[in-house]
Protein backbone atom coordinates (compact mmCIF):
# COMPACT_ATOMS: atom_id res chain seq x y z
CA MET A 1 80.92 116.07 69.18
CA THR A 2 82.60 115.86 72.52
CA VAL A 3 85.55 113.99 73.78
CA ALA A 4 85.56 112.51 77.26
CA PHE A 5 88.66 111.88 79.32
CA SER A 6 89.02 109.96 82.50
CA ARG A 7 89.72 111.95 85.68
CA GLU A 8 93.01 110.07 85.95
CA LEU A 9 94.12 110.96 82.46
CA ALA A 10 93.06 114.61 82.67
CA SER A 11 94.69 115.15 86.04
CA THR A 12 97.95 113.44 85.00
CA ALA A 13 98.21 115.62 81.92
CA PHE A 14 97.48 118.72 84.00
CA PHE A 15 100.13 117.69 86.56
CA LEU A 16 102.83 116.83 84.08
CA LYS A 17 102.22 120.08 82.07
CA ASN A 18 102.20 122.37 85.14
CA PHE A 19 104.62 120.73 87.44
CA ALA A 20 106.92 118.36 85.60
CA ALA A 21 107.43 120.01 82.22
CA PRO A 22 110.94 121.14 81.60
CA ALA A 23 111.67 124.85 82.17
CA ARG A 24 111.95 126.98 79.07
CA GLN A 25 114.84 128.90 80.51
CA LYS A 26 117.77 127.27 82.15
CA ASP A 27 117.75 129.62 85.24
CA SER A 28 114.07 128.90 85.95
CA ILE A 29 114.42 125.18 86.90
CA ARG A 30 111.72 124.47 89.46
CA GLY A 31 113.16 121.30 91.13
CA TYR A 32 113.50 117.62 90.68
CA LEU A 33 110.04 117.07 89.18
CA GLU A 34 111.41 117.85 85.73
CA ILE A 35 113.14 114.37 85.64
CA LEU A 36 109.77 112.76 86.02
CA LEU A 37 108.56 113.43 82.49
CA PRO A 38 111.19 111.27 80.58
CA ILE A 39 110.85 108.51 83.25
CA TYR A 40 107.07 108.65 82.95
CA GLN A 41 107.26 108.54 79.13
CA ASN A 42 109.63 105.52 79.10
CA ALA A 43 107.72 103.54 81.62
CA PRO A 44 105.00 100.97 80.81
CA ALA A 45 101.40 102.12 81.27
CA ASP A 46 100.89 99.66 84.12
CA SER A 47 104.12 100.67 85.93
CA LEU A 48 104.43 101.97 89.52
CA VAL A 49 105.66 105.22 88.10
CA HIS A 50 102.28 105.64 86.28
CA GLN A 51 100.24 104.65 89.28
CA ALA A 52 102.12 106.96 91.63
CA THR A 53 102.00 109.87 89.24
CA SER A 54 98.29 109.40 88.70
CA ALA A 55 97.64 109.34 92.35
CA VAL A 56 99.77 112.52 93.04
CA ALA A 57 98.21 114.22 89.99
CA LEU A 58 94.72 113.50 91.13
CA ALA A 59 95.57 114.64 94.70
CA SER A 60 96.97 117.94 93.36
CA LEU A 61 93.82 118.48 91.20
CA SER A 62 91.63 117.75 94.23
CA ASN A 63 93.53 120.34 96.28
CA GLY A 64 93.02 122.93 93.57
CA PHE A 65 89.27 122.32 93.28
CA ARG A 66 88.79 121.38 96.89
CA THR A 67 86.87 118.31 95.82
CA ARG A 68 86.36 115.63 98.48
CA MET A 69 85.43 113.11 95.80
CA LEU A 70 88.66 113.49 93.89
CA ARG A 71 90.67 113.38 97.09
CA MET A 72 89.14 110.00 98.08
CA GLU A 73 89.82 108.67 94.57
CA ALA A 74 93.41 109.86 94.85
CA GLN A 75 93.80 108.14 98.20
CA LYS A 76 92.51 104.87 96.67
CA LEU A 77 95.07 105.19 93.72
CA TYR A 78 97.81 105.98 96.12
CA GLY A 79 96.98 103.04 98.31
CA ARG A 80 97.01 100.72 95.26
CA ALA A 81 100.45 102.08 94.33
CA LEU A 82 101.83 101.48 97.83
CA ARG A 83 100.36 97.94 97.88
CA ALA A 84 102.09 97.24 94.51
CA VAL A 85 105.38 98.48 95.87
CA GLY A 86 105.06 96.06 98.79
CA ASN A 87 104.52 93.08 96.41
């Protein structure tokens, strides 16, 4: 039995775990992304925070794998998030 995840969900989980998870030690704080996790968890699933995080996560994953298809999908998600901000 296999479990299938959407690219968006898998990339967001990867991004949050690797870039936004709180540091285990106080002196190893990596920057401001650590504040993203509580904001992301408290925001509704259709919020701009989720849309923007998904776009950035997919872009970071596409950079790691050097995948043009993922990069194009990330650009579409990012464009949708920007349009939503403008409305």
